[in-house]
Structure formats: structure tokens, C-alpha cells
Amino acid sequence: ISKSGGVTYFENSVKDRFTISRDNA
């Protein structure tokens, strides 16, 4: 996940199952 959270990348085998997120605060 990018610094601001606006861009995310996933490995193909998990992209439909996993979610990455961040709370910078």
C-alpha cells in the first residue's frame, strides 16, 4: 500500500481474498 493508501498491489493468488489498508493517524 502506498504512503497515503491510495494505491494497493496484491499477489495474484490473494487479490480477490485479501485487503490491505492503513491508518496513518
mmCIF file of all heavy atoms, coordinates in Angstrom:
data_MODEL
# 
_entry.id   MODEL 
# 
loop_
_atom_site.group_PDB 
_atom_site.id 
_atom_site.type_symbol 
_atom_site.label_atom_id 
_atom_site.label_alt_id 
_atom_site.label_comp_id 
_atom_site.label_asym_id 
_atom_site.label_entity_id 
_atom_site.label_seq_id 
_atom_site.pdbx_PDB_ins_code 
_atom_site.Cartn_x 
_atom_site.Cartn_y 
_atom_site.Cartn_z 
_atom_site.occupancy 
_atom_site.B_iso_or_equiv 
_atom_site.pdbx_formal_charge 
_atom_site.auth_seq_id 
_atom_site.auth_comp_id 
_atom_site.auth_asym_id 
_atom_site.auth_atom_id 
_atom_site.pdbx_PDB_model_num 
ATOM 1   N N   . ILE A 1 1  ? 0.846   -1.184  0.000   1.00 0.00 ? 1  ILE A N   1 
ATOM 2   C CA  . ILE A 1 1  ? 0.000   0.000   0.000   1.00 0.00 ? 1  ILE A CA  1 
ATOM 3   C C   . ILE A 1 1  ? 0.881   1.233   0.000   1.00 0.00 ? 1  ILE A C   1 
ATOM 4   O O   . ILE A 1 1  ? 1.920   1.280   0.666   1.00 0.00 ? 1  ILE A O   1 
ATOM 5   C CB  . ILE A 1 1  ? -0.976  -0.019  1.205   1.00 0.00 ? 1  ILE A CB  1 
ATOM 6   C CG1 . ILE A 1 1  ? -1.999  1.112   1.104   1.00 0.00 ? 1  ILE A CG1 1 
ATOM 7   C CG2 . ILE A 1 1  ? -0.213  0.036   2.525   1.00 0.00 ? 1  ILE A CG2 1 
ATOM 8   C CD1 . ILE A 1 1  ? -3.171  0.933   2.061   1.00 0.00 ? 1  ILE A CD1 1 
ATOM 9   N N   . SER A 1 2  ? 0.467   2.239   -0.745  1.00 0.00 ? 2  SER A N   1 
ATOM 10  C CA  . SER A 1 2  ? 1.247   3.454   -0.874  1.00 0.00 ? 2  SER A CA  1 
ATOM 11  C C   . SER A 1 2  ? 1.175   4.288   0.397   1.00 0.00 ? 2  SER A C   1 
ATOM 12  O O   . SER A 1 2  ? 0.410   4.004   1.322   1.00 0.00 ? 2  SER A O   1 
ATOM 13  C CB  . SER A 1 2  ? 0.758   4.272   -2.072  1.00 0.00 ? 2  SER A CB  1 
ATOM 14  O OG  . SER A 1 2  ? -0.599  4.659   -1.905  1.00 0.00 ? 2  SER A OG  1 
ATOM 15  N N   . LYS A 1 3  ? 1.970   5.351   0.427   1.00 0.00 ? 3  LYS A N   1 
ATOM 16  C CA  . LYS A 1 3  ? 2.096   6.165   1.628   1.00 0.00 ? 3  LYS A CA  1 
ATOM 17  C C   . LYS A 1 3  ? 0.771   6.745   2.109   1.00 0.00 ? 3  LYS A C   1 
ATOM 18  O O   . LYS A 1 3  ? 0.505   6.804   3.315   1.00 0.00 ? 3  LYS A O   1 
ATOM 19  C CB  . LYS A 1 3  ? 3.100   7.290   1.384   1.00 0.00 ? 3  LYS A CB  1 
ATOM 20  C CG  . LYS A 1 3  ? 4.501   6.806   1.080   1.00 0.00 ? 3  LYS A CG  1 
ATOM 21  C CD  . LYS A 1 3  ? 5.394   7.956   0.660   1.00 0.00 ? 3  LYS A CD  1 
ATOM 22  C CE  . LYS A 1 3  ? 6.779   7.452   0.297   1.00 0.00 ? 3  LYS A CE  1 
ATOM 23  N NZ  . LYS A 1 3  ? 7.660   8.567   -0.139  1.00 0.00 ? 3  LYS A NZ  1 
ATOM 24  N N   . SER A 1 4  ? -0.045  7.170   1.174   1.00 0.00 ? 4  SER A N   1 
ATOM 25  C CA  . SER A 1 4  ? -1.338  7.754   1.512   1.00 0.00 ? 4  SER A CA  1 
ATOM 26  C C   . SER A 1 4  ? -2.468  6.735   1.510   1.00 0.00 ? 4  SER A C   1 
ATOM 27  O O   . SER A 1 4  ? -3.593  7.067   1.892   1.00 0.00 ? 4  SER A O   1 
ATOM 28  C CB  . SER A 1 4  ? -1.666  8.881   0.541   1.00 0.00 ? 4  SER A CB  1 
ATOM 29  O OG  . SER A 1 4  ? -1.840  8.384   -0.772  1.00 0.00 ? 4  SER A OG  1 
ATOM 30  N N   . GLY A 1 5  ? -2.182  5.526   1.061   1.00 0.00 ? 5  GLY A N   1 
ATOM 31  C CA  . GLY A 1 5  ? -3.194  4.499   0.989   1.00 0.00 ? 5  GLY A CA  1 
ATOM 32  C C   . GLY A 1 5  ? -3.966  4.466   -0.307  1.00 0.00 ? 5  GLY A C   1 
ATOM 33  O O   . GLY A 1 5  ? -4.883  3.646   -0.455  1.00 0.00 ? 5  GLY A O   1 
ATOM 34  N N   . GLY A 1 6  ? -3.611  5.310   -1.254  1.00 0.00 ? 6  GLY A N   1 
ATOM 35  C CA  . GLY A 1 6  ? -4.375  5.416   -2.480  1.00 0.00 ? 6  GLY A CA  1 
ATOM 36  C C   . GLY A 1 6  ? -4.093  4.349   -3.516  1.00 0.00 ? 6  GLY A C   1 
ATOM 37  O O   . GLY A 1 6  ? -4.888  4.177   -4.439  1.00 0.00 ? 6  GLY A O   1 
ATOM 38  N N   . VAL A 1 7  ? -2.979  3.659   -3.393  1.00 0.00 ? 7  VAL A N   1 
ATOM 39  C CA  . VAL A 1 7  ? -2.592  2.629   -4.344  1.00 0.00 ? 7  VAL A CA  1 
ATOM 40  C C   . VAL A 1 7  ? -2.311  1.347   -3.583  1.00 0.00 ? 7  VAL A C   1 
ATOM 41  O O   . VAL A 1 7  ? -1.606  1.361   -2.571  1.00 0.00 ? 7  VAL A O   1 
ATOM 42  C CB  . VAL A 1 7  ? -1.352  3.047   -5.148  1.00 0.00 ? 7  VAL A CB  1 
ATOM 43  C CG1 . VAL A 1 7  ? -0.918  1.932   -6.091  1.00 0.00 ? 7  VAL A CG1 1 
ATOM 44  C CG2 . VAL A 1 7  ? -1.625  4.320   -5.929  1.00 0.00 ? 7  VAL A CG2 1 
ATOM 45  N N   . THR A 1 8  ? -2.864  0.254   -4.060  1.00 0.00 ? 8  THR A N   1 
ATOM 46  C CA  . THR A 1 8  ? -2.601  -1.048  -3.455  1.00 0.00 ? 8  THR A CA  1 
ATOM 47  C C   . THR A 1 8  ? -2.237  -2.059  -4.523  1.00 0.00 ? 8  THR A C   1 
ATOM 48  O O   . THR A 1 8  ? -2.743  -2.016  -5.646  1.00 0.00 ? 8  THR A O   1 
ATOM 49  C CB  . THR A 1 8  ? -3.814  -1.559  -2.662  1.00 0.00 ? 8  THR A CB  1 
ATOM 50  O OG1 . THR A 1 8  ? -4.957  -1.639  -3.518  1.00 0.00 ? 8  THR A OG1 1 
ATOM 51  C CG2 . THR A 1 8  ? -4.121  -0.631  -1.501  1.00 0.00 ? 8  THR A CG2 1 
ATOM 52  N N   . TYR A 1 9  ? -1.351  -2.983  -4.174  1.00 0.00 ? 9  TYR A N   1 
ATOM 53  C CA  . TYR A 1 9  ? -0.949  -4.087  -5.027  1.00 0.00 ? 9  TYR A CA  1 
ATOM 54  C C   . TYR A 1 9  ? -1.164  -5.383  -4.273  1.00 0.00 ? 9  TYR A C   1 
ATOM 55  O O   . TYR A 1 9  ? -0.995  -5.445  -3.052  1.00 0.00 ? 9  TYR A O   1 
ATOM 56  C CB  . TYR A 1 9  ? 0.531   -3.998  -5.413  1.00 0.00 ? 9  TYR A CB  1 
ATOM 57  C CG  . TYR A 1 9  ? 0.955   -2.777  -6.175  1.00 0.00 ? 9  TYR A CG  1 
ATOM 58  C CD1 . TYR A 1 9  ? 2.240   -2.258  -5.991  1.00 0.00 ? 9  TYR A CD1 1 
ATOM 59  C CD2 . TYR A 1 9  ? 0.117   -2.150  -7.083  1.00 0.00 ? 9  TYR A CD2 1 
ATOM 60  C CE1 . TYR A 1 9  ? 2.660   -1.145  -6.694  1.00 0.00 ? 9  TYR A CE1 1 
ATOM 61  C CE2 . TYR A 1 9  ? 0.524   -1.028  -7.778  1.00 0.00 ? 9  TYR A CE2 1 
ATOM 62  C CZ  . TYR A 1 9  ? 1.804   -0.532  -7.586  1.00 0.00 ? 9  TYR A CZ  1 
ATOM 63  O OH  . TYR A 1 9  ? 2.215   0.572   -8.285  1.00 0.00 ? 9  TYR A OH  1 
ATOM 64  N N   . PHE A 1 10 ? -1.496  -6.441  -5.004  1.00 0.00 ? 10 PHE A N   1 
ATOM 65  C CA  . PHE A 1 10 ? -1.702  -7.754  -4.411  1.00 0.00 ? 10 PHE A CA  1 
ATOM 66  C C   . PHE A 1 10 ? -1.064  -8.831  -5.268  1.00 0.00 ? 10 PHE A C   1 
ATOM 67  O O   . PHE A 1 10 ? -1.047  -8.738  -6.498  1.00 0.00 ? 10 PHE A O   1 
ATOM 68  C CB  . PHE A 1 10 ? -3.188  -8.076  -4.262  1.00 0.00 ? 10 PHE A CB  1 
ATOM 69  C CG  . PHE A 1 10 ? -3.927  -7.157  -3.338  1.00 0.00 ? 10 PHE A CG  1 
ATOM 70  C CD1 . PHE A 1 10 ? -4.571  -6.040  -3.824  1.00 0.00 ? 10 PHE A CD1 1 
ATOM 71  C CD2 . PHE A 1 10 ? -3.979  -7.415  -1.979  1.00 0.00 ? 10 PHE A CD2 1 
ATOM 72  C CE1 . PHE A 1 10 ? -5.252  -5.180  -2.986  1.00 0.00 ? 10 PHE A CE1 1 
ATOM 73  C CE2 . PHE A 1 10 ? -4.657  -6.563  -1.125  1.00 0.00 ? 10 PHE A CE2 1 
ATOM 74  C CZ  . PHE A 1 10 ? -5.297  -5.443  -1.627  1.00 0.00 ? 10 PHE A CZ  1 
ATOM 75  N N   . GLU A 1 11 ? -0.565  -9.852  -4.612  1.00 0.00 ? 11 GLU A N   1 
ATOM 76  C CA  . GLU A 1 11 ? -0.167  -11.052 -5.314  1.00 0.00 ? 11 GLU A CA  1 
ATOM 77  C C   . GLU A 1 11 ? -1.426  -11.684 -5.903  1.00 0.00 ? 11 GLU A C   1 
ATOM 78  O O   . GLU A 1 11 ? -2.495  -11.663 -5.284  1.00 0.00 ? 11 GLU A O   1 
ATOM 79  C CB  . GLU A 1 11 ? 0.546   -11.994 -4.357  1.00 0.00 ? 11 GLU A CB  1 
ATOM 80  C CG  . GLU A 1 11 ? 1.323   -13.119 -5.028  1.00 0.00 ? 11 GLU A CG  1 
ATOM 81  C CD  . GLU A 1 11 ? 0.442   -14.297 -5.363  1.00 0.00 ? 11 GLU A CD  1 
ATOM 82  O OE1 . GLU A 1 11 ? -0.477  -14.609 -4.583  1.00 0.00 ? 11 GLU A OE1 1 
ATOM 83  O OE2 . GLU A 1 11 ? 0.681   -14.921 -6.423  1.00 0.00 ? 11 GLU A OE2 1 
ATOM 84  N N   . ASN A 1 12 ? -1.303  -12.251 -7.083  1.00 0.00 ? 12 ASN A N   1 
ATOM 85  C CA  . ASN A 1 12 ? -2.491  -12.689 -7.810  1.00 0.00 ? 12 ASN A CA  1 
ATOM 86  C C   . ASN A 1 12 ? -3.338  -13.712 -7.055  1.00 0.00 ? 12 ASN A C   1 
ATOM 87  O O   . ASN A 1 12 ? -4.565  -13.686 -7.141  1.00 0.00 ? 12 ASN A O   1 
ATOM 88  C CB  . ASN A 1 12 ? -2.101  -13.254 -9.170  1.00 0.00 ? 12 ASN A CB  1 
ATOM 89  C CG  . ASN A 1 12 ? -1.716  -12.186 -10.157 1.00 0.00 ? 12 ASN A CG  1 
ATOM 90  O OD1 . ASN A 1 12 ? -2.138  -11.036 -10.045 1.00 0.00 ? 12 ASN A OD1 1 
ATOM 91  N ND2 . ASN A 1 12 ? -0.919  -12.559 -11.149 1.00 0.00 ? 12 ASN A ND2 1 
ATOM 92  N N   . SER A 1 13 ? -2.702  -14.584 -6.309  1.00 0.00 ? 13 SER A N   1 
ATOM 93  C CA  . SER A 1 13 ? -3.446  -15.636 -5.632  1.00 0.00 ? 13 SER A CA  1 
ATOM 94  C C   . SER A 1 13 ? -4.262  -15.139 -4.448  1.00 0.00 ? 13 SER A C   1 
ATOM 95  O O   . SER A 1 13 ? -5.120  -15.864 -3.943  1.00 0.00 ? 13 SER A O   1 
ATOM 96  C CB  . SER A 1 13 ? -2.494  -16.747 -5.177  1.00 0.00 ? 13 SER A CB  1 
ATOM 97  O OG  . SER A 1 13 ? -1.667  -16.318 -4.112  1.00 0.00 ? 13 SER A OG  1 
ATOM 98  N N   . VAL A 1 14 ? -4.020  -13.907 -4.010  1.00 0.00 ? 14 VAL A N   1 
ATOM 99  C CA  . VAL A 1 14 ? -4.739  -13.389 -2.848  1.00 0.00 ? 14 VAL A CA  1 
ATOM 100 C C   . VAL A 1 14 ? -5.593  -12.173 -3.165  1.00 0.00 ? 14 VAL A C   1 
ATOM 101 O O   . VAL A 1 14 ? -6.364  -11.732 -2.310  1.00 0.00 ? 14 VAL A O   1 
ATOM 102 C CB  . VAL A 1 14 ? -3.774  -13.038 -1.691  1.00 0.00 ? 14 VAL A CB  1 
ATOM 103 C CG1 . VAL A 1 14 ? -2.848  -14.206 -1.387  1.00 0.00 ? 14 VAL A CG1 1 
ATOM 104 C CG2 . VAL A 1 14 ? -2.976  -11.775 -1.995  1.00 0.00 ? 14 VAL A CG2 1 
ATOM 105 N N   . LYS A 1 15 ? -5.497  -11.628 -4.356  1.00 0.00 ? 15 LYS A N   1 
ATOM 106 C CA  . LYS A 1 15 ? -6.087  -10.322 -4.630  1.00 0.00 ? 15 LYS A CA  1 
ATOM 107 C C   . LYS A 1 15 ? -7.610  -10.296 -4.512  1.00 0.00 ? 15 LYS A C   1 
ATOM 108 O O   . LYS A 1 15 ? -8.190  -9.229  -4.270  1.00 0.00 ? 15 LYS A O   1 
ATOM 109 C CB  . LYS A 1 15 ? -5.647  -9.808  -6.002  1.00 0.00 ? 15 LYS A CB  1 
ATOM 110 C CG  . LYS A 1 15 ? -6.230  -10.526 -7.191  1.00 0.00 ? 15 LYS A CG  1 
ATOM 111 C CD  . LYS A 1 15 ? -5.652  -9.950  -8.477  1.00 0.00 ? 15 LYS A CD  1 
ATOM 112 C CE  . LYS A 1 15 ? -6.293  -10.572 -9.705  1.00 0.00 ? 15 LYS A CE  1 
ATOM 113 N NZ  . LYS A 1 15 ? -7.701  -10.164 -9.831  1.00 0.00 ? 15 LYS A NZ  1 
ATOM 114 N N   . ASP A 1 16 ? -8.270  -11.413 -4.669  1.00 0.00 ? 16 ASP A N   1 
ATOM 115 C CA  . ASP A 1 16 ? -9.716  -11.478 -4.517  1.00 0.00 ? 16 ASP A CA  1 
ATOM 116 C C   . ASP A 1 16 ? -10.147 -11.842 -3.107  1.00 0.00 ? 16 ASP A C   1 
ATOM 117 O O   . ASP A 1 16 ? -11.348 -11.912 -2.822  1.00 0.00 ? 16 ASP A O   1 
ATOM 118 C CB  . ASP A 1 16 ? -10.313 -12.480 -5.509  1.00 0.00 ? 16 ASP A CB  1 
ATOM 119 C CG  . ASP A 1 16 ? -10.131 -12.063 -6.948  1.00 0.00 ? 16 ASP A CG  1 
ATOM 120 O OD1 . ASP A 1 16 ? -10.177 -10.849 -7.222  1.00 0.00 ? 16 ASP A OD1 1 
ATOM 121 O OD2 . ASP A 1 16 ? -9.945  -12.945 -7.801  1.00 0.00 ? 16 ASP A OD2 1 
ATOM 122 N N   . ARG A 1 17 ? -9.174  -12.066 -2.236  1.00 0.00 ? 17 ARG A N   1 
ATOM 123 C CA  . ARG A 1 17 ? -9.483  -12.522 -0.885  1.00 0.00 ? 17 ARG A CA  1 
ATOM 124 C C   . ARG A 1 17 ? -8.932  -11.613 0.203   1.00 0.00 ? 17 ARG A C   1 
ATOM 125 O O   . ARG A 1 17 ? -9.499  -11.553 1.294   1.00 0.00 ? 17 ARG A O   1 
ATOM 126 C CB  . ARG A 1 17 ? -8.933  -13.940 -0.672  1.00 0.00 ? 17 ARG A CB  1 
ATOM 127 C CG  . ARG A 1 17 ? -9.510  -14.965 -1.643  1.00 0.00 ? 17 ARG A CG  1 
ATOM 128 C CD  . ARG A 1 17 ? -8.976  -16.356 -1.342  1.00 0.00 ? 17 ARG A CD  1 
ATOM 129 N NE  . ARG A 1 17 ? -7.547  -16.464 -1.615  1.00 0.00 ? 17 ARG A NE  1 
ATOM 130 C CZ  . ARG A 1 17 ? -6.640  -16.834 -0.713  1.00 0.00 ? 17 ARG A CZ  1 
ATOM 131 N NH1 . ARG A 1 17 ? -7.009  -17.131 0.528   1.00 0.00 ? 17 ARG A NH1 1 
ATOM 132 N NH2 . ARG A 1 17 ? -5.360  -16.924 -1.056  1.00 0.00 ? 17 ARG A NH2 1 
ATOM 133 N N   . PHE A 1 18 ? -7.817  -10.942 -0.070  1.00 0.00 ? 18 PHE A N   1 
ATOM 134 C CA  . PHE A 1 18 ? -7.143  -10.125 0.933   1.00 0.00 ? 18 PHE A CA  1 
ATOM 135 C C   . PHE A 1 18 ? -7.326  -8.650  0.627   1.00 0.00 ? 18 PHE A C   1 
ATOM 136 O O   . PHE A 1 18 ? -7.437  -8.238  -0.530  1.00 0.00 ? 18 PHE A O   1 
ATOM 137 C CB  . PHE A 1 18 ? -5.641  -10.425 0.966   1.00 0.00 ? 18 PHE A CB  1 
ATOM 138 C CG  . PHE A 1 18 ? -5.263  -11.790 1.477   1.00 0.00 ? 18 PHE A CG  1 
ATOM 139 C CD1 . PHE A 1 18 ? -6.205  -12.770 1.725   1.00 0.00 ? 18 PHE A CD1 1 
ATOM 140 C CD2 . PHE A 1 18 ? -3.928  -12.082 1.706   1.00 0.00 ? 18 PHE A CD2 1 
ATOM 141 C CE1 . PHE A 1 18 ? -5.841  -14.023 2.190   1.00 0.00 ? 18 PHE A CE1 1 
ATOM 142 C CE2 . PHE A 1 18 ? -3.548  -13.328 2.176   1.00 0.00 ? 18 PHE A CE2 1 
ATOM 143 C CZ  . PHE A 1 18 ? -4.504  -14.298 2.414   1.00 0.00 ? 18 PHE A CZ  1 
ATOM 144 N N   . THR A 1 19 ? -7.304  -7.839  1.677   1.00 0.00 ? 19 THR A N   1 
ATOM 145 C CA  . THR A 1 19 ? -7.355  -6.395  1.549   1.00 0.00 ? 19 THR A CA  1 
ATOM 146 C C   . THR A 1 19 ? -6.290  -5.779  2.449   1.00 0.00 ? 19 THR A C   1 
ATOM 147 O O   . THR A 1 19 ? -6.177  -6.160  3.610   1.00 0.00 ? 19 THR A O   1 
ATOM 148 C CB  . THR A 1 19 ? -8.737  -5.843  1.939   1.00 0.00 ? 19 THR A CB  1 
ATOM 149 O OG1 . THR A 1 19 ? -9.739  -6.409  1.093   1.00 0.00 ? 19 THR A OG1 1 
ATOM 150 C CG2 . THR A 1 19 ? -8.764  -4.324  1.788   1.00 0.00 ? 19 THR A CG2 1 
ATOM 151 N N   . ILE A 1 20 ? -5.530  -4.850  1.905   1.00 0.00 ? 20 ILE A N   1 
ATOM 152 C CA  . ILE A 1 20 ? -4.559  -4.114  2.700   1.00 0.00 ? 20 ILE A CA  1 
ATOM 153 C C   . ILE A 1 20 ? -5.080  -2.699  2.906   1.00 0.00 ? 20 ILE A C   1 
ATOM 154 O O   . ILE A 1 20 ? -5.669  -2.105  2.001   1.00 0.00 ? 20 ILE A O   1 
ATOM 155 C CB  . ILE A 1 20 ? -3.163  -4.113  2.040   1.00 0.00 ? 20 ILE A CB  1 
ATOM 156 C CG1 . ILE A 1 20 ? -2.113  -3.500  2.976   1.00 0.00 ? 20 ILE A CG1 1 
ATOM 157 C CG2 . ILE A 1 20 ? -3.182  -3.412  0.690   1.00 0.00 ? 20 ILE A CG2 1 
ATOM 158 C CD1 . ILE A 1 20 ? -0.682  -3.681  2.484   1.00 0.00 ? 20 ILE A CD1 1 
ATOM 159 N N   . SER A 1 21 ? -4.879  -2.176  4.098   1.00 0.00 ? 21 SER A N   1 
ATOM 160 C CA  . SER A 1 21 ? -5.300  -0.822  4.401   1.00 0.00 ? 21 SER A CA  1 
ATOM 161 C C   . SER A 1 21 ? -4.347  -0.233  5.438   1.00 0.00 ? 21 SER A C   1 
ATOM 162 O O   . SER A 1 21 ? -3.542  -0.953  6.033   1.00 0.00 ? 21 SER A O   1 
ATOM 163 C CB  . SER A 1 21 ? -6.748  -0.791  4.910   1.00 0.00 ? 21 SER A CB  1 
ATOM 164 O OG  . SER A 1 21 ? -6.881  -1.543  6.105   1.00 0.00 ? 21 SER A OG  1 
ATOM 165 N N   . ARG A 1 22 ? -4.443  1.064   5.627   1.00 0.00 ? 22 ARG A N   1 
ATOM 166 C CA  . ARG A 1 22 ? -3.602  1.702   6.636   1.00 0.00 ? 22 ARG A CA  1 
ATOM 167 C C   . ARG A 1 22 ? -4.339  2.855   7.281   1.00 0.00 ? 22 ARG A C   1 
ATOM 168 O O   . ARG A 1 22 ? -5.226  3.474   6.683   1.00 0.00 ? 22 ARG A O   1 
ATOM 169 C CB  . ARG A 1 22 ? -2.274  2.185   6.034   1.00 0.00 ? 22 ARG A CB  1 
ATOM 170 C CG  . ARG A 1 22 ? -2.396  3.325   5.045   1.00 0.00 ? 22 ARG A CG  1 
ATOM 171 C CD  . ARG A 1 22 ? -1.083  3.553   4.302   1.00 0.00 ? 22 ARG A CD  1 
ATOM 172 N NE  . ARG A 1 22 ? -0.029  4.002   5.203   1.00 0.00 ? 22 ARG A NE  1 
ATOM 173 C CZ  . ARG A 1 22 ? 1.272   3.965   4.909   1.00 0.00 ? 22 ARG A CZ  1 
ATOM 174 N NH1 . ARG A 1 22 ? 1.675   3.475   3.741   1.00 0.00 ? 22 ARG A NH1 1 
ATOM 175 N NH2 . ARG A 1 22 ? 2.163   4.402   5.792   1.00 0.00 ? 22 ARG A NH2 1 
ATOM 176 N N   . ASP A 1 23 ? -3.976  3.124   8.509   1.00 0.00 ? 23 ASP A N   1 
ATOM 177 C CA  . ASP A 1 23 ? -4.498  4.252   9.260   1.00 0.00 ? 23 ASP A CA  1 
ATOM 178 C C   . ASP A 1 23 ? -3.286  5.030   9.735   1.00 0.00 ? 23 ASP A C   1 
ATOM 179 O O   . ASP A 1 23 ? -2.661  4.675   10.738  1.00 0.00 ? 23 ASP A O   1 
ATOM 180 C CB  . ASP A 1 23 ? -5.359  3.791   10.428  1.00 0.00 ? 23 ASP A CB  1 
ATOM 181 C CG  . ASP A 1 23 ? -6.046  4.934   11.143  1.00 0.00 ? 23 ASP A CG  1 
ATOM 182 O OD1 . ASP A 1 23 ? -5.582  6.084   11.034  1.00 0.00 ? 23 ASP A OD1 1 
ATOM 183 O OD2 . ASP A 1 23 ? -7.056  4.681   11.826  1.00 0.00 ? 23 ASP A OD2 1 
ATOM 184 N N   . ASN A 1 24 ? -2.943  6.069   9.003   1.00 0.00 ? 24 ASN A N   1 
ATOM 185 C CA  . ASN A 1 24 ? -1.727  6.808   9.323   1.00 0.00 ? 24 ASN A CA  1 
ATOM 186 C C   . ASN A 1 24 ? -1.815  7.526   10.664  1.00 0.00 ? 24 ASN A C   1 
ATOM 187 O O   . ASN A 1 24 ? -0.796  7.753   11.315  1.00 0.00 ? 24 ASN A O   1 
ATOM 188 C CB  . ASN A 1 24 ? -1.408  7.799   8.200   1.00 0.00 ? 24 ASN A CB  1 
ATOM 189 C CG  . ASN A 1 24 ? -0.868  7.111   6.969   1.00 0.00 ? 24 ASN A CG  1 
ATOM 190 O OD1 . ASN A 1 24 ? -0.526  5.932   6.993   1.00 0.00 ? 24 ASN A OD1 1 
ATOM 191 N ND2 . ASN A 1 24 ? -0.790  7.853   5.866   1.00 0.00 ? 24 ASN A ND2 1 
ATOM 192 N N   . ALA A 1 25 ? -3.019  7.886   11.078  1.00 0.00 ? 25 ALA A N   1 
ATOM 193 C CA  . ALA A 1 25 ? -3.192  8.520   12.381  1.00 0.00 ? 25 ALA A CA  1 
ATOM 194 C C   . ALA A 1 25 ? -2.863  7.565   13.517  1.00 0.00 ? 25 ALA A C   1 
ATOM 195 O O   . ALA A 1 25 ? -2.496  8.001   14.612  1.00 0.00 ? 25 ALA A O   1 
ATOM 196 C CB  . ALA A 1 25 ? -4.607  9.056   12.531  1.00 0.00 ? 25 ALA A CB  1 
# 
